Amino acid sequence: MRNRVLGAVGVLWGGLILLGRLAGGGAGDGAGAYGAGQAVGLVFAVLLLVVGLYYLVRGGGSARPKSP
């Protein structure tokens, strides 16, 4: 259950970052370190979205061992 909740948070957060990026303008808005930060933020948003979708679809596998 915890994995699904965190997956949903990742999908929501990553989607909002991508939506803000699309609404705010195209690529190449910054120069130098600012532009590099924007590119890393975009990669981070895509990773959040993909990993969040994975955990949302995959479901709630627990890391705790099951007792007999």
N, C-alpha and C. Protein backbone atom coordinates (compact mmCIF):
# COMPACT_ATOMS: atom_id res chain seq x y z
N MET A 1 0.83 -1.19 0.00
CA MET A 1 0.00 0.00 0.00
C MET A 1 0.88 1.26 0.00
N ARG A 2 1.96 1.19 0.77
CA ARG A 2 2.85 2.34 0.85
C ARG A 2 3.48 2.65 -0.51
N ASN A 3 3.84 1.60 -1.27
CA ASN A 3 4.43 1.80 -2.59
C ASN A 3 3.45 2.47 -3.55
N ARG A 4 2.19 2.09 -3.46
CA ARG A 4 1.19 2.71 -4.34
C ARG A 4 0.98 4.18 -4.01
N VAL A 5 0.98 4.50 -2.74
CA VAL A 5 0.81 5.90 -2.33
C VAL A 5 2.00 6.73 -2.81
N LEU A 6 3.21 6.21 -2.58
CA LEU A 6 4.40 6.94 -3.02
C LEU A 6 4.47 7.01 -4.54
N GLY A 7 3.99 5.97 -5.22
CA GLY A 7 3.92 6.00 -6.67
C GLY A 7 2.96 7.08 -7.16
N ALA A 8 1.82 7.20 -6.50
CA ALA A 8 0.85 8.23 -6.87
C ALA A 8 1.42 9.63 -6.63
N VAL A 9 2.17 9.79 -5.54
CA VAL A 9 2.80 11.08 -5.26
C VAL A 9 3.84 11.39 -6.34
N GLY A 10 4.62 10.39 -6.74
CA GLY A 10 5.61 10.59 -7.80
C GLY A 10 4.98 10.96 -9.12
N VAL A 11 3.89 10.29 -9.48
CA VAL A 11 3.20 10.61 -10.73
C VAL A 11 2.64 12.03 -10.69
N LEU A 12 2.03 12.38 -9.57
CA LEU A 12 1.45 13.71 -9.43
C LEU A 12 2.53 14.79 -9.49
N TRP A 13 3.59 14.61 -8.72
CA TRP A 13 4.67 15.60 -8.66
C TRP A 13 5.39 15.71 -10.01
N GLY A 14 5.74 14.58 -10.60
CA GLY A 14 6.41 14.60 -11.90
C GLY A 14 5.53 15.22 -12.99
N GLY A 15 4.24 14.87 -12.95
CA GLY A 15 3.31 15.44 -13.93
C GLY A 15 3.15 16.94 -13.77
N LEU A 16 3.11 17.41 -12.54
CA LEU A 16 2.99 18.85 -12.32
C LEU A 16 4.25 19.60 -12.76
N ILE A 17 5.41 19.01 -12.55
CA ILE A 17 6.65 19.64 -13.01
C ILE A 17 6.65 19.73 -14.54
N LEU A 18 6.26 18.62 -15.21
CA LEU A 18 6.22 18.63 -16.67
C LEU A 18 5.17 19.61 -17.19
N LEU A 19 4.03 19.67 -16.52
CA LEU A 19 2.98 20.60 -16.93
C LEU A 19 3.44 22.04 -16.77
N GLY A 20 4.12 22.33 -15.67
CA GLY A 20 4.66 23.67 -15.48
C GLY A 20 5.71 24.02 -16.51
N ARG A 21 6.50 23.03 -16.90
CA ARG A 21 7.52 23.25 -17.93
C ARG A 21 6.87 23.55 -19.28
N LEU A 22 5.82 22.81 -19.61
CA LEU A 22 5.12 23.04 -20.87
C LEU A 22 4.41 24.38 -20.88
N ALA A 23 3.82 24.75 -19.76
CA ALA A 23 3.09 26.02 -19.68
C ALA A 23 4.04 27.21 -19.62
N GLY A 24 5.24 26.99 -19.09
CA GLY A 24 6.19 28.09 -18.90
C GLY A 24 7.02 28.43 -20.13
N GLY A 25 7.04 27.60 -21.11
CA GLY A 25 7.83 27.87 -22.30
C GLY A 25 8.64 26.66 -22.73
N GLY A 26 9.29 26.79 -23.86
CA GLY A 26 10.06 25.69 -24.43
C GLY A 26 11.45 25.60 -23.85
N ALA A 27 12.21 24.69 -24.41
CA ALA A 27 13.59 24.48 -23.96
C ALA A 27 14.47 25.64 -24.43
N GLY A 28 15.57 25.83 -23.74
CA GLY A 28 16.51 26.87 -24.14
C GLY A 28 16.20 28.22 -23.53
N ASP A 29 15.44 28.25 -22.44
CA ASP A 29 15.10 29.51 -21.80
C ASP A 29 16.26 30.09 -21.00
N GLY A 30 17.22 29.26 -20.65
CA GLY A 30 18.30 29.74 -19.81
C GLY A 30 19.65 29.50 -20.46
N ALA A 31 20.65 30.12 -19.89
CA ALA A 31 22.00 29.95 -20.40
C ALA A 31 22.90 29.52 -19.25
N GLY A 32 23.91 28.76 -19.57
CA GLY A 32 24.88 28.36 -18.56
C GLY A 32 24.29 27.44 -17.52
N ALA A 33 24.60 27.73 -16.27
CA ALA A 33 24.18 26.88 -15.16
C ALA A 33 22.65 26.87 -15.02
N TYR A 34 22.00 27.97 -15.33
CA TYR A 34 20.54 28.02 -15.22
C TYR A 34 19.91 27.06 -16.23
N GLY A 35 20.42 27.03 -17.44
CA GLY A 35 19.91 26.12 -18.46
C GLY A 35 20.17 24.67 -18.10
N ALA A 36 21.34 24.40 -17.52
CA ALA A 36 21.66 23.04 -17.09
C ALA A 36 20.72 22.60 -15.97
N GLY A 37 20.41 23.50 -15.06
CA GLY A 37 19.47 23.19 -13.98
C GLY A 37 18.08 22.90 -14.52
N GLN A 38 17.67 23.62 -15.54
CA GLN A 38 16.37 23.36 -16.15
C GLN A 38 16.35 21.99 -16.81
N ALA A 39 17.43 21.63 -17.47
CA ALA A 39 17.49 20.32 -18.12
C ALA A 39 17.46 19.20 -17.09
N VAL A 40 18.19 19.36 -16.00
CA VAL A 40 18.20 18.34 -14.94
C VAL A 40 16.81 18.25 -14.30
N GLY A 41 16.14 19.37 -14.12
CA GLY A 41 14.78 19.36 -13.58
C GLY A 41 13.82 18.61 -14.48
N LEU A 42 13.99 18.76 -15.78
CA LEU A 42 13.14 18.06 -16.74
C LEU A 42 13.40 16.55 -16.67
N VAL A 43 14.65 16.15 -16.59
CA VAL A 43 15.00 14.73 -16.46
C VAL A 43 14.43 14.17 -15.15
N PHE A 44 14.55 14.93 -14.08
CA PHE A 44 14.01 14.51 -12.78
C PHE A 44 12.50 14.31 -12.86
N ALA A 45 11.80 15.21 -13.53
CA ALA A 45 10.34 15.10 -13.66
C ALA A 45 9.96 13.85 -14.44
N VAL A 46 10.68 13.56 -15.52
CA VAL A 46 10.38 12.37 -16.32
C VAL A 46 10.65 11.11 -15.50
N LEU A 47 11.76 11.09 -14.76
CA LEU A 47 12.05 9.93 -13.92
C LEU A 47 10.99 9.74 -12.84
N LEU A 48 10.57 10.82 -12.21
CA LEU A 48 9.50 10.72 -11.20
C LEU A 48 8.23 10.14 -11.81
N LEU A 49 7.88 10.60 -12.98
CA LEU A 49 6.67 10.14 -13.63
C LEU A 49 6.77 8.66 -13.98
N VAL A 50 7.88 8.25 -14.55
CA VAL A 50 8.04 6.85 -14.98
C VAL A 50 8.10 5.91 -13.78
N VAL A 51 8.92 6.24 -12.80
CA VAL A 51 9.05 5.37 -11.62
C VAL A 51 7.74 5.37 -10.81
N GLY A 52 7.09 6.52 -10.73
CA GLY A 52 5.81 6.58 -10.04
C GLY A 52 4.75 5.72 -10.71
N LEU A 53 4.72 5.76 -12.03
CA LEU A 53 3.78 4.90 -12.77
C LEU A 53 4.10 3.43 -12.55
N TYR A 54 5.38 3.10 -12.53
CA TYR A 54 5.79 1.72 -12.29
C TYR A 54 5.28 1.23 -10.94
N TYR A 55 5.50 1.99 -9.90
CA TYR A 55 5.07 1.57 -8.57
C TYR A 55 3.55 1.64 -8.41
N LEU A 56 2.92 2.53 -9.12
CA LEU A 56 1.47 2.62 -9.06
C LEU A 56 0.83 1.40 -9.72
N VAL A 57 1.39 0.97 -10.85
CA VAL A 57 0.84 -0.17 -11.57
C VAL A 57 1.29 -1.48 -10.94
N ARG A 58 2.56 -1.55 -10.56
CA ARG A 58 3.14 -2.78 -10.00
C ARG A 58 2.46 -3.15 -8.71
N GLY A 59 2.17 -2.18 -7.90
CA GLY A 59 1.43 -2.47 -6.68
C GLY A 59 2.27 -2.52 -5.44
N GLY A 60 1.70 -3.10 -4.42
CA GLY A 60 2.26 -3.03 -3.09
C GLY A 60 3.02 -4.26 -2.67
N GLY A 61 4.16 -4.51 -3.27
CA GLY A 61 5.02 -5.55 -2.74
C GLY A 61 5.72 -5.02 -1.50
N SER A 62 5.69 -5.76 -0.44
CA SER A 62 6.28 -5.31 0.81
C SER A 62 7.72 -5.80 0.92
N ALA A 63 8.56 -5.00 1.54
CA ALA A 63 9.96 -5.38 1.75
C ALA A 63 10.11 -6.28 2.97
N ARG A 64 9.09 -6.36 3.78
CA ARG A 64 9.14 -7.20 4.99
C ARG A 64 8.92 -8.68 4.63
N PRO A 65 9.68 -9.55 5.25
CA PRO A 65 9.47 -10.98 4.99
C PRO A 65 8.14 -11.44 5.61
N LYS A 66 7.47 -12.32 4.90
CA LYS A 66 6.20 -12.83 5.40
C LYS A 66 6.46 -13.91 6.44
N SER A 67 5.73 -13.84 7.54
CA SER A 67 5.90 -14.83 8.58
C SER A 67 5.06 -16.07 8.25
N PRO A 68 5.56 -17.25 8.60
CA PRO A 68 4.86 -18.50 8.25
C PRO A 68 3.59 -18.72 9.00
